[in-house]
Amino acid sequence: MKKYIVIILLIGIILSSILIYNTIKVEQKTYQTFTESGYILQSKLDNESQVERFYFEGEQKYKENYNTQITFEDTSGEKISLNNNNFIHYADGSISAFKNGVLVDLTRNRK
């Protein structure tokens, strides 16, 4: 009888270990990283003419929550949650977006 209890406990421990390992792996895949240092602009809710900048460091991880919010820690260590319709401005002058889309440079002169 003890033999069966030990076998059932070992199976339970193995299955629990596999479940915990897979949960950690899935959670890690939800994080992405900023390629370089930069900032994100967002207008203040009460006054759209005022804009806030949220700075981040290169290789900083961020997470997309519920397909509409981006969460990351800024350079001061504060946890920031923003809408994913903002643009990412990098220190080298490049720009990116959280959503899939196309950016067109309309300032270039055509010849």
PDB file of N, CA and C in Angstrom:
ATOM      1  N   MET A   1       0.813  -1.194   0.000  1.00  0.00           N
ATOM      2  CA  MET A   1       0.000   0.000   0.000  1.00  0.00           C
ATOM      3  C   MET A   1       0.858   1.261   0.000  1.00  0.00           C
ATOM      4  N   LYS A   2       1.957   1.247   0.782  1.00  0.00           N
ATOM      5  CA  LYS A   2       2.848   2.390   0.828  1.00  0.00           C
ATOM      6  C   LYS A   2       3.484   2.637  -0.541  1.00  0.00           C
ATOM      7  N   LYS A   3       3.721   1.553  -1.255  1.00  0.00           N
ATOM      8  CA  LYS A   3       4.340   1.650  -2.570  1.00  0.00           C
ATOM      9  C   LYS A   3       3.450   2.469  -3.510  1.00  0.00           C
ATOM     10  N   TYR A   4       2.144   2.248  -3.481  1.00  0.00           N
ATOM     11  CA  TYR A   4       1.214   2.979  -4.347  1.00  0.00           C
ATOM     12  C   TYR A   4       1.102   4.453  -3.953  1.00  0.00           C
ATOM     13  N   ILE A   5       1.148   4.728  -2.678  1.00  0.00           N
ATOM     14  CA  ILE A   5       1.089   6.121  -2.207  1.00  0.00           C
ATOM     15  C   ILE A   5       2.327   6.884  -2.670  1.00  0.00           C
ATOM     16  N   VAL A   6       3.486   6.249  -2.582  1.00  0.00           N
ATOM     17  CA  VAL A   6       4.732   6.883  -3.034  1.00  0.00           C
ATOM     18  C   VAL A   6       4.672   7.136  -4.533  1.00  0.00           C
ATOM     19  N   ILE A   7       4.178   6.197  -5.293  1.00  0.00           N
ATOM     20  CA  ILE A   7       4.075   6.356  -6.745  1.00  0.00           C
ATOM     21  C   ILE A   7       3.116   7.495  -7.082  1.00  0.00           C
ATOM     22  N   ILE A   8       1.978   7.564  -6.422  1.00  0.00           N
ATOM     23  CA  ILE A   8       1.002   8.635  -6.664  1.00  0.00           C
ATOM     24  C   ILE A   8       1.591   9.988  -6.285  1.00  0.00           C
ATOM     25  N   LEU A   9       2.314  10.060  -5.168  1.00  0.00           N
ATOM     26  CA  LEU A   9       2.967  11.310  -4.771  1.00  0.00           C
ATOM     27  C   LEU A   9       4.026  11.735  -5.782  1.00  0.00           C
ATOM     28  N   LEU A  10       4.825  10.795  -6.279  1.00  0.00           N
ATOM     29  CA  LEU A  10       5.847  11.117  -7.281  1.00  0.00           C
ATOM     30  C   LEU A  10       5.209  11.626  -8.577  1.00  0.00           C
ATOM     31  N   ILE A  11       4.139  10.998  -9.002  1.00  0.00           N
ATOM     32  CA  ILE A  11       3.438  11.458 -10.213  1.00  0.00           C
ATOM     33  C   ILE A  11       2.877  12.862  -9.986  1.00  0.00           C
ATOM     34  N   GLY A  12       2.311  13.108  -8.809  1.00  0.00           N
ATOM     35  CA  GLY A  12       1.791  14.436  -8.490  1.00  0.00           C
ATOM     36  C   GLY A  12       2.890  15.498  -8.493  1.00  0.00           C
ATOM     37  N   ILE A  13       4.040  15.171  -7.924  1.00  0.00           N
ATOM     38  CA  ILE A  13       5.169  16.112  -7.890  1.00  0.00           C
ATOM     39  C   ILE A  13       5.683  16.389  -9.298  1.00  0.00           C
ATOM     40  N   ILE A  14       5.802  15.362 -10.105  1.00  0.00           N
ATOM     41  CA  ILE A  14       6.283  15.532 -11.484  1.00  0.00           C
ATOM     42  C   ILE A  14       5.302  16.383 -12.288  1.00  0.00           C
ATOM     43  N   LEU A  15       4.014  16.101 -12.194  1.00  0.00           N
ATOM     44  CA  LEU A  15       3.017  16.881 -12.931  1.00  0.00           C
ATOM     45  C   LEU A  15       2.973  18.333 -12.452  1.00  0.00           C
ATOM     46  N   SER A  16       3.109  18.542 -11.142  1.00  0.00           N
ATOM     47  CA  SER A  16       3.137  19.907 -10.613  1.00  0.00           C
ATOM     48  C   SER A  16       4.368  20.653 -11.115  1.00  0.00           C
ATOM     49  N   SER A  17       5.498  19.985 -11.160  1.00  0.00           N
ATOM     50  CA  SER A  17       6.729  20.607 -11.658  1.00  0.00           C
ATOM     51  C   SER A  17       6.588  21.011 -13.121  1.00  0.00           C
ATOM     52  N   ILE A  18       6.001  20.150 -13.919  1.00  0.00           N
ATOM     53  CA  ILE A  18       5.798  20.455 -15.341  1.00  0.00           C
ATOM     54  C   ILE A  18       4.849  21.639 -15.496  1.00  0.00           C
ATOM     55  N   LEU A  19       3.792  21.673 -14.719  1.00  0.00           N
ATOM     56  CA  LEU A  19       2.837  22.777 -14.767  1.00  0.00           C
ATOM     57  C   LEU A  19       3.498  24.108 -14.386  1.00  0.00           C
ATOM     58  N   ILE A  20       4.281  24.114 -13.324  1.00  0.00           N
ATOM     59  CA  ILE A  20       4.968  25.334 -12.891  1.00  0.00           C
ATOM     60  C   ILE A  20       5.981  25.783 -13.938  1.00  0.00           C
ATOM     61  N   TYR A  21       6.742  24.855 -14.495  1.00  0.00           N
ATOM     62  CA  TYR A  21       7.722  25.193 -15.529  1.00  0.00           C
ATOM     63  C   TYR A  21       7.047  25.813 -16.750  1.00  0.00           C
ATOM     64  N   ASN A  22       5.972  25.219 -17.218  1.00  0.00           N
ATOM     65  CA  ASN A  22       5.268  25.750 -18.392  1.00  0.00           C
ATOM     66  C   ASN A  22       4.634  27.111 -18.110  1.00  0.00           C
ATOM     67  N   THR A  23       4.122  27.315 -16.914  1.00  0.00           N
ATOM     68  CA  THR A  23       3.546  28.607 -16.543  1.00  0.00           C
ATOM     69  C   THR A  23       4.611  29.698 -16.573  1.00  0.00           C
ATOM     70  N   ILE A  24       5.787  29.413 -16.045  1.00  0.00           N
ATOM     71  CA  ILE A  24       6.886  30.384 -16.062  1.00  0.00           C
ATOM     72  C   ILE A  24       7.317  30.680 -17.485  1.00  0.00           C
ATOM     73  N   LYS A  25       7.430  29.682 -18.327  1.00  0.00           N
ATOM     74  CA  LYS A  25       7.841  29.888 -19.722  1.00  0.00           C
ATOM     75  C   LYS A  25       6.826  30.731 -20.486  1.00  0.00           C
ATOM     76  N   VAL A  26       5.543  30.490 -20.307  1.00  0.00           N
ATOM     77  CA  VAL A  26       4.503  31.270 -20.984  1.00  0.00           C
ATOM     78  C   VAL A  26       4.536  32.714 -20.501  1.00  0.00           C
ATOM     79  N   GLU A  27       4.734  32.931 -19.213  1.00  0.00           N
ATOM     80  CA  GLU A  27       4.810  34.287 -18.657  1.00  0.00           C
ATOM     81  C   GLU A  27       6.016  35.041 -19.221  1.00  0.00           C
ATOM     82  N   GLN A  28       7.147  34.379 -19.383  1.00  0.00           N
ATOM     83  CA  GLN A  28       8.338  35.024 -19.926  1.00  0.00           C
ATOM     84  C   GLN A  28       8.151  35.412 -21.387  1.00  0.00           C
ATOM     85  N   LYS A  29       7.372  34.656 -22.133  1.00  0.00           N
ATOM     86  CA  LYS A  29       7.154  34.963 -23.548  1.00  0.00           C
ATOM     87  C   LYS A  29       6.277  36.192 -23.746  1.00  0.00           C
ATOM     88  N   THR A  30       5.535  36.607 -22.738  1.00  0.00           N
ATOM     89  CA  THR A  30       4.674  37.777 -22.875  1.00  0.00           C
ATOM     90  C   THR A  30       5.462  39.077 -22.770  1.00  0.00           C
ATOM     91  N   TYR A  31       6.712  39.022 -22.303  1.00  0.00           N
ATOM     92  CA  TYR A  31       7.535  40.219 -22.190  1.00  0.00           C
ATOM     93  C   TYR A  31       8.307  40.462 -23.477  1.00  0.00           C
ATOM     94  N   GLN A  32       8.424  41.733 -23.842  1.00  0.00           N
ATOM     95  CA  GLN A  32       9.242  42.155 -24.967  1.00  0.00           C
ATOM     96  C   GLN A  32      10.211  43.207 -24.456  1.00  0.00           C
ATOM     97  N   THR A  33      11.203  43.579 -25.256  1.00  0.00           N
ATOM     98  CA  THR A  33      12.192  44.554 -24.802  1.00  0.00           C
ATOM     99  C   THR A  33      12.292  45.726 -25.776  1.00  0.00           C
ATOM    100  N   PHE A  34      12.560  46.901 -25.206  1.00  0.00           N
ATOM    101  CA  PHE A  34      12.886  48.061 -26.019  1.00  0.00           C
ATOM    102  C   PHE A  34      14.313  47.864 -26.525  1.00  0.00           C
ATOM    103  N   THR A  35      14.558  48.145 -27.791  1.00  0.00           N
ATOM    104  CA  THR A  35      15.886  47.901 -28.351  1.00  0.00           C
ATOM    105  C   THR A  35      16.917  48.915 -27.880  1.00  0.00           C
ATOM    106  N   GLU A  36      16.510  50.160 -27.678  1.00  0.00           N
ATOM    107  CA  GLU A  36      17.409  51.214 -27.228  1.00  0.00           C
ATOM    108  C   GLU A  36      16.700  52.094 -26.213  1.00  0.00           C
ATOM    109  N   SER A  37      17.448  53.020 -25.637  1.00  0.00           N
ATOM    110  CA  SER A  37      16.845  53.992 -24.727  1.00  0.00           C
ATOM    111  C   SER A  37      15.977  54.955 -25.517  1.00  0.00           C
ATOM    112  N   GLY A  38      14.984  55.538 -24.851  1.00  0.00           N
ATOM    113  CA  GLY A  38      14.107  56.491 -25.518  1.00  0.00           C
ATOM    114  C   GLY A  38      12.981  56.922 -24.611  1.00  0.00           C
ATOM    115  N   TYR A  39      11.884  57.329 -25.221  1.00  0.00           N
ATOM    116  CA  TYR A  39      10.735  57.803 -24.457  1.00  0.00           C
ATOM    117  C   TYR A  39       9.450  57.554 -25.228  1.00  0.00           C
ATOM    118  N   ILE A  40       8.334  57.655 -24.496  1.00  0.00           N
ATOM    119  CA  ILE A  40       7.000  57.525 -25.072  1.00  0.00           C
ATOM    120  C   ILE A  40       6.232  58.783 -24.695  1.00  0.00           C
ATOM    121  N   LEU A  41       5.579  59.379 -25.664  1.00  0.00           N
ATOM    122  CA  LEU A  41       4.763  60.560 -25.423  1.00  0.00           C
ATOM    123  C   LEU A  41       3.316  60.153 -25.238  1.00  0.00           C
ATOM    124  N   GLN A  42       2.652  60.773 -24.260  1.00  0.00           N
ATOM    125  CA  GLN A  42       1.217  60.556 -24.075  1.00  0.00           C
ATOM    126  C   GLN A  42       0.597  61.850 -23.591  1.00  0.00           C
ATOM    127  N   SER A  43      -0.527  62.222 -24.208  1.00  0.00           N
ATOM    128  CA  SER A  43      -1.217  63.433 -23.762  1.00  0.00           C
ATOM    129  C   SER A  43      -1.901  63.175 -22.435  1.00  0.00           C
ATOM    130  N   LYS A  44      -1.955  64.209 -21.607  1.00  0.00           N
ATOM    131  CA  LYS A  44      -2.611  64.080 -20.309  1.00  0.00           C
ATOM    132  C   LYS A  44      -4.109  63.954 -20.514  1.00  0.00           C
ATOM    133  N   LEU A  45      -4.763  63.193 -19.669  1.00  0.00           N
ATOM    134  CA  LEU A  45      -6.191  62.935 -19.831  1.00  0.00           C
ATOM    135  C   LEU A  45      -7.036  64.194 -19.682  1.00  0.00           C
ATOM    136  N   ASP A  46      -6.676  65.070 -18.759  1.00  0.00           N
ATOM    137  CA  ASP A  46      -7.484  66.260 -18.521  1.00  0.00           C
ATOM    138  C   ASP A  46      -7.209  67.386 -19.519  1.00  0.00           C
ATOM    139  N   ASN A  47      -6.044  67.363 -20.163  1.00  0.00           N
ATOM    140  CA  ASN A  47      -5.689  68.431 -21.091  1.00  0.00           C
ATOM    141  C   ASN A  47      -4.864  67.834 -22.222  1.00  0.00           C
ATOM    142  N   GLU A  48      -5.462  67.703 -23.390  1.00  0.00           N
ATOM    143  CA  GLU A  48      -4.774  67.044 -24.492  1.00  0.00           C
ATOM    144  C   GLU A  48      -3.668  67.892 -25.112  1.00  0.00           C
ATOM    145  N   SER A  49      -3.603  69.200 -24.761  1.00  0.00           N
ATOM    146  CA  SER A  49      -2.529  70.022 -25.298  1.00  0.00           C
ATOM    147  C   SER A  49      -1.231  69.833 -24.514  1.00  0.00           C
ATOM    148  N   GLN A  50      -1.298  69.230 -23.343  1.00  0.00           N
ATOM    149  CA  GLN A  50      -0.106  68.937 -22.560  1.00  0.00           C
ATOM    150  C   GLN A  50       0.287  67.479 -22.770  1.00  0.00           C
ATOM    151  N   VAL A  51       1.601  67.260 -22.884  1.00  0.00           N
ATOM    152  CA  VAL A  51       2.101  65.921 -23.181  1.00  0.00           C
ATOM    153  C   VAL A  51       3.086  65.498 -22.098  1.00  0.00           C
ATOM    154  N   GLU A  52       2.983  64.243 -21.702  1.00  0.00           N
ATOM    155  CA  GLU A  52       3.919  63.671 -20.741  1.00  0.00           C
ATOM    156  C   GLU A  52       4.906  62.783 -21.479  1.00  0.00           C
ATOM    157  N   ARG A  53       6.154  62.780 -21.020  1.00  0.00           N
ATOM    158  CA  ARG A  53       7.178  61.882 -21.555  1.00  0.00           C
ATOM    159  C   ARG A  53       7.511  60.846 -20.500  1.00  0.00           C
ATOM    160  N   PHE A  54       7.548  59.605 -20.928  1.00  0.00           N
ATOM    161  CA  PHE A  54       7.934  58.504 -20.058  1.00  0.00           C
ATOM    162  C   PHE A  54       9.190  57.877 -20.650  1.00  0.00           C
ATOM    163  N   TYR A  55      10.307  58.006 -19.940  1.00  0.00           N
ATOM    164  CA  TYR A  55      11.601  57.537 -20.430  1.00  0.00           C
ATOM    165  C   TYR A  55      11.850  56.090 -20.037  1.00  0.00           C
ATOM    166  N   PHE A  56      12.588  55.386 -20.887  1.00  0.00           N
ATOM    167  CA  PHE A  56      12.965  54.008 -20.603  1.00  0.00           C
ATOM    168  C   PHE A  56      14.403  53.795 -21.062  1.00  0.00           C
ATOM    169  N   GLU A  57      15.031  52.787 -20.513  1.00  0.00           N
ATOM    170  CA  GLU A  57      16.404  52.421 -20.855  1.00  0.00           C
ATOM    171  C   GLU A  57      16.399  51.342 -21.933  1.00  0.00           C
ATOM    172  N   GLY A  58      17.514  51.221 -22.624  1.00  0.00           N
ATOM    173  CA  GLY A  58      17.673  50.147 -23.599  1.00  0.00           C
ATOM    174  C   GLY A  58      17.631  48.794 -22.915  1.00  0.00           C
ATOM    175  N   GLU A  59      17.095  47.810 -23.587  1.00  0.00           N
ATOM    176  CA  GLU A  59      16.923  46.445 -23.078  1.00  0.00           C
ATOM    177  C   GLU A  59      15.928  46.372 -21.914  1.00  0.00           C
ATOM    178  N   GLN A  60      15.137  47.420 -21.700  1.00  0.00           N
ATOM    179  CA  GLN A  60      14.082  47.423 -20.677  1.00  0.00           C
ATOM    180  C   GLN A  60      12.929  46.545 -21.165  1.00  0.00           C
ATOM    181  N   LYS A  61      12.401  45.708 -20.313  1.00  0.00           N
ATOM    182  CA  LYS A  61      11.289  44.839 -20.693  1.00  0.00           C
ATOM    183  C   LYS A  61       9.967  45.552 -20.488  1.00  0.00           C
ATOM    184  N   TYR A  62       9.026  45.263 -21.373  1.00  0.00           N
ATOM    185  CA  TYR A  62       7.660  45.744 -21.216  1.00  0.00           C
ATOM    186  C   TYR A  62       6.697  44.603 -21.522  1.00  0.00           C
ATOM    187  N   LYS A  63       5.474  44.760 -21.047  1.00  0.00           N
ATOM    188  CA  LYS A  63       4.479  43.700 -21.199  1.00  0.00           C
ATOM    189  C   LYS A  63       3.188  44.298 -21.736  1.00  0.00           C
ATOM    190  N   GLU A  64       2.578  43.597 -22.663  1.00  0.00           N
ATOM    191  CA  GLU A  64       1.282  44.015 -23.183  1.00  0.00           C
ATOM    192  C   GLU A  64       0.192  43.317 -22.378  1.00  0.00           C
ATOM    193  N   ASN A  65      -0.659  44.117 -21.720  1.00  0.00           N
ATOM    194  CA  ASN A  65      -1.732  43.587 -20.879  1.00  0.00           C
ATOM    195  C   ASN A  65      -3.076  43.759 -21.578  1.00  0.00           C
ATOM    196  N   TYR A  66      -3.802  42.702 -21.709  1.00  0.00           N
ATOM    197  CA  TYR A  66      -5.173  42.731 -22.232  1.00  0.00           C
ATOM    198  C   TYR A  66      -5.270  43.398 -23.602  1.00  0.00           C
ATOM    199  N   ASN A  67      -4.221  43.359 -24.391  1.00  0.00           N
ATOM    200  CA  ASN A  67      -4.169  43.883 -25.762  1.00  0.00           C
ATOM    201  C   ASN A  67      -4.408  45.378 -25.874  1.00  0.00           C
ATOM    202  N   THR A  68      -4.484  46.123 -24.790  1.00  0.00           N
ATOM    203  CA  THR A  68      -4.687  47.564 -24.901  1.00  0.00           C
ATOM    204  C   THR A  68      -3.731  48.366 -24.029  1.00  0.00           C
ATOM    205  N   GLN A  69      -3.104  47.766 -23.057  1.00  0.00           N
ATOM    206  CA  GLN A  69      -2.227  48.476 -22.142  1.00  0.00           C
ATOM    207  C   GLN A  69      -0.804  47.923 -22.228  1.00  0.00           C
ATOM    208  N   ILE A  70       0.160  48.836 -22.146  1.00  0.00           N
ATOM    209  CA  ILE A  70       1.567  48.475 -22.093  1.00  0.00           C
ATOM    210  C   ILE A  70       2.066  48.858 -20.699  1.00  0.00           C
ATOM    211  N   THR A  71       2.758  47.949 -20.040  1.00  0.00           N
ATOM    212  CA  THR A  71       3.275  48.200 -18.701  1.00  0.00           C
ATOM    213  C   THR A  71       4.786  48.034 -18.705  1.00  0.00           C
ATOM    214  N   PHE A  72       5.493  49.018 -18.134  1.00  0.00           N
ATOM    215  CA  PHE A  72       6.941  48.951 -18.002  1.00  0.00           C
ATOM    216  C   PHE A  72       7.381  49.844 -16.848  1.00  0.00           C
ATOM    217  N   GLU A  73       8.642  49.736 -16.473  1.00  0.00           N
ATOM    218  CA  GLU A  73       9.211  50.617 -15.454  1.00  0.00           C
ATOM    219  C   GLU A  73      10.016  51.698 -16.156  1.00  0.00           C
ATOM    220  N   ASP A  74       9.775  52.962 -15.782  1.00  0.00           N
ATOM    221  CA  ASP A  74      10.535  54.044 -16.386  1.00  0.00           C
ATOM    222  C   ASP A  74      11.901  54.156 -15.714  1.00  0.00           C
ATOM    223  N   THR A  75      12.678  55.151 -16.124  1.00  0.00           N
ATOM    224  CA  THR A  75      14.044  55.282 -15.620  1.00  0.00           C
ATOM    225  C   THR A  75      14.104  55.589 -14.130  1.00  0.00           C
ATOM    226  N   SER A  76      13.032  56.124 -13.563  1.00  0.00           N
ATOM    227  CA  SER A  76      13.021  56.397 -12.118  1.00  0.00           C
ATOM    228  C   SER A  76      12.517  55.205 -11.304  1.00  0.00           C
ATOM    229  N   GLY A  77      12.176  54.100 -11.970  1.00  0.00           N
ATOM    230  CA  GLY A  77      11.721  52.898 -11.285  1.00  0.00           C
ATOM    231  C   GLY A  77      10.225  52.839 -11.049  1.00  0.00           C
ATOM    232  N   GLU A  78       9.490  53.821 -11.563  1.00  0.00           N
ATOM    233  CA  GLU A  78       8.040  53.864 -11.386  1.00  0.00           C
ATOM    234  C   GLU A  78       7.365  52.980 -12.434  1.00  0.00           C
ATOM    235  N   LYS A  79       6.351  52.233 -12.017  1.00  0.00           N
ATOM    236  CA  LYS A  79       5.609  51.365 -12.942  1.00  0.00           C
ATOM    237  C   LYS A  79       4.626  52.223 -13.736  1.00  0.00           C
ATOM    238  N   ILE A  80       4.717  52.156 -15.064  1.00  0.00           N
ATOM    239  CA  ILE A  80       3.902  52.969 -15.961  1.00  0.00           C
ATOM    240  C   ILE A  80       2.992  52.064 -16.776  1.00  0.00           C
ATOM    241  N   SER A  81       1.718  52.451 -16.908  1.00  0.00           N
ATOM    242  CA  SER A  81       0.773  51.769 -17.791  1.00  0.00           C
ATOM    243  C   SER A  81       0.241  52.780 -18.789  1.00  0.00           C
ATOM    244  N   LEU A  82       0.391  52.466 -20.078  1.00  0.00           N
ATOM    245  CA  LEU A  82      -0.024  53.351 -21.161  1.00  0.00           C
ATOM    246  C   LEU A  82      -0.857  52.579 -22.167  1.00  0.00           C
ATOM    247  N   ASN A  83      -1.630  53.313 -22.964  1.00  0.00           N
ATOM    248  CA  ASN A  83      -2.342  52.683 -24.076  1.00  0.00           C
ATOM    249  C   ASN A  83      -1.326  52.248 -25.130  1.00  0.00           C
ATOM    250  N   ASN A  84      -1.668  51.216 -25.868  1.00  0.00           N
ATOM    251  CA  ASN A  84      -0.735  50.726 -26.875  1.00  0.00           C
ATOM    252  C   ASN A  84      -0.846  51.477 -28.200  1.00  0.00           C
ATOM    253  N   ASN A  85      -1.563  52.598 -28.235  1.00  0.00           N
ATOM    254  CA  ASN A  85      -1.648  53.373 -29.471  1.00  0.00           C
ATOM    255  C   ASN A  85      -0.642  54.518 -29.480  1.00  0.00           C
ATOM    256  N   ASN A  86       0.361  54.475 -28.602  1.00  0.00           N
ATOM    257  CA  ASN A  86       1.411  55.482 -28.548  1.00  0.00           C
ATOM    258  C   ASN A  86       2.602  55.066 -29.400  1.00  0.00           C
ATOM    259  N   PHE A  87       3.426  56.045 -29.749  1.00  0.00           N
ATOM    260  CA  PHE A  87       4.640  55.785 -30.502  1.00  0.00           C
ATOM    261  C   PHE A  87       5.832  55.718 -29.564  1.00  0.00           C
ATOM    262  N   ILE A  88       6.819  54.931 -29.961  1.00  0.00           N
ATOM    263  CA  ILE A  88       8.065  54.796 -29.210  1.00  0.00           C
ATOM    264  C   ILE A  88       9.111  55.635 -29.927  1.00  0.00           C
ATOM    265  N   HIS A  89       9.688  56.596 -29.233  1.00  0.00           N
ATOM    266  CA  HIS A  89      10.724  57.458 -29.796  1.00  0.00           C
ATOM    267  C   HIS A  89      12.062  57.020 -29.211  1.00  0.00           C
ATOM    268  N   TYR A  90      12.984  56.575 -30.070  1.00  0.00           N
ATOM    269  CA  TYR A  90      14.279  56.108 -29.601  1.00  0.00           C
ATOM    270  C   TYR A  90      15.298  57.236 -29.629  1.00  0.00           C
ATOM    271  N   ALA A  91      16.355  57.078 -28.833  1.00  0.00           N
ATOM    272  CA  ALA A  91      17.381  58.108 -28.686  1.00  0.00           C
ATOM    273  C   ALA A  91      18.138  58.363 -29.985  1.00  0.00           C
ATOM    274  N   ASP A  92      18.192  57.393 -30.885  1.00  0.00           N
ATOM    275  CA  ASP A  92      18.901  57.584 -32.152  1.00  0.00           C
ATOM    276  C   ASP A  92      18.051  58.303 -33.200  1.00  0.00           C
ATOM    277  N   GLY A  93      16.848  58.729 -32.835  1.00  0.00           N
ATOM    278  CA  GLY A  93      15.976  59.459 -33.750  1.00  0.00           C
ATOM    279  C   GLY A  93      14.958  58.599 -34.471  1.00  0.00           C
ATOM    280  N   SER A  94      15.028  57.296 -34.313  1.00  0.00           N
ATOM    281  CA  SER A  94      14.057  56.420 -34.971  1.00  0.00           C
ATOM    282  C   SER A  94      12.768  56.377 -34.162  1.00  0.00           C
ATOM    283  N   ILE A  95      11.738  55.862 -34.792  1.00  0.00           N
ATOM    284  CA  ILE A  95      10.418  55.801 -34.165  1.00  0.00           C
ATOM    285  C   ILE A  95       9.816  54.430 -34.455  1.00  0.00           C
ATOM    286  N   SER A  96       8.996  53.971 -33.537  1.00  0.00           N
ATOM    287  CA  SER A  96       8.343  52.678 -33.675  1.00  0.00           C
ATOM    288  C   SER A  96       6.960  52.786 -33.051  1.00  0.00           C
ATOM    289  N   ALA A  97       6.192  51.707 -33.149  1.00  0.00           N
ATOM    290  CA  ALA A  97       4.846  51.691 -32.576  1.00  0.00           C
ATOM    291  C   ALA A  97       4.604  50.335 -31.923  1.00  0.00           C
ATOM    292  N   PHE A  98       3.709  50.309 -30.961  1.00  0.00           N
ATOM    293  CA  PHE A  98       3.346  49.051 -30.308  1.00  0.00           C
ATOM    294  C   PHE A  98       2.450  48.209 -31.190  1.00  0.00           C
ATOM    295  N   LYS A  99       1.590  48.859 -31.966  1.00  0.00           N
ATOM    296  CA  LYS A  99       0.679  48.154 -32.862  1.00  0.00           C
ATOM    297  C   LYS A  99       1.339  47.942 -34.216  1.00  0.00           C
ATOM    298  N   ASN A 100       0.872  46.960 -34.949  1.00  0.00           N
ATOM    299  CA  ASN A 100       1.353  46.760 -36.312  1.00  0.00           C
ATOM    300  C   ASN A 100       0.795  47.859 -37.206  1.00  0.00           C
ATOM    301  N   GLY A 101       1.626  48.369 -38.073  1.00  0.00           N
ATOM    302  CA  GLY A 101       1.183  49.429 -38.960  1.00  0.00           C
ATOM    303  C   GLY A 101       2.346  49.930 -39.798  1.00  0.00           C
ATOM    304  N   VAL A 102       2.106  51.016 -40.488  1.00  0.00           N
ATOM    305  CA  VAL A 102       3.112  51.594 -41.372  1.00  0.00           C
ATOM    306  C   VAL A 102       3.285  53.063 -41.013  1.00  0.00           C
ATOM    307  N   LEU A 103       4.535  53.504 -40.952  1.00  0.00           N
ATOM    308  CA  LEU A 103       4.857  54.918 -40.761  1.00  0.00           C
ATOM    309  C   LEU A 103       5.404  55.452 -42.074  1.00  0.00           C
ATOM    310  N   VAL A 104       4.896  56.581 -42.509  1.00  0.00           N
ATOM    311  CA  VAL A 104       5.325  57.174 -43.771  1.00  0.00           C
ATOM    312  C   VAL A 104       5.973  58.522 -43.478  1.00  0.00           C
ATOM    313  N   ASP A 105       7.176  58.732 -44.016  1.00  0.00           N
ATOM    314  CA  ASP A 105       7.876  59.999 -43.857  1.00  0.00           C
ATOM    315  C   ASP A 105       7.401  60.937 -44.953  1.00  0.00           C
ATOM    316  N   LEU A 106       6.576  61.913 -44.603  1.00  0.00           N
ATOM    317  CA  LEU A 106       6.020  62.848 -45.585  1.00  0.00           C
ATOM    318  C   LEU A 106       6.880  64.092 -45.753  1.00  0.00           C
ATOM    319  N   THR A 107       7.964  64.207 -45.029  1.00  0.00           N
ATOM    320  CA  THR A 107       8.808  65.398 -45.103  1.00  0.00           C
ATOM    321  C   THR A 107       9.930  65.264 -46.127  1.00  0.00           C
ATOM    322  N   ARG A 108      10.141  64.105 -46.668  1.00  0.00           N
ATOM    323  CA  ARG A 108      11.222  63.905 -47.650  1.00  0.00           C
ATOM    324  C   ARG A 108      10.863  64.598 -48.950  1.00  0.00           C
ATOM    325  N   ASN A 109      11.857  65.233 -49.540  1.00  0.00           N
ATOM    326  CA  ASN A 109      11.669  65.875 -50.843  1.00  0.00           C
ATOM    327  C   ASN A 109      11.803  64.834 -51.939  1.00  0.00           C
ATOM    328  N   ARG A 110      10.896  64.883 -52.869  1.00  0.00           N
ATOM    329  CA  ARG A 110      10.954  63.942 -54.001  1.00  0.00           C
ATOM    330  C   ARG A 110      11.678  64.622 -55.143  1.00  0.00           C
ATOM    331  N   LYS A 111      12.434  63.869 -55.879  1.00  0.00           N
ATOM    332  CA  LYS A 111      13.160  64.397 -57.044  1.00  0.00           C
ATOM    333  C   LYS A 111      12.696  63.734 -58.293  1.00  0.00           C
TER     334      LYS A 111
END
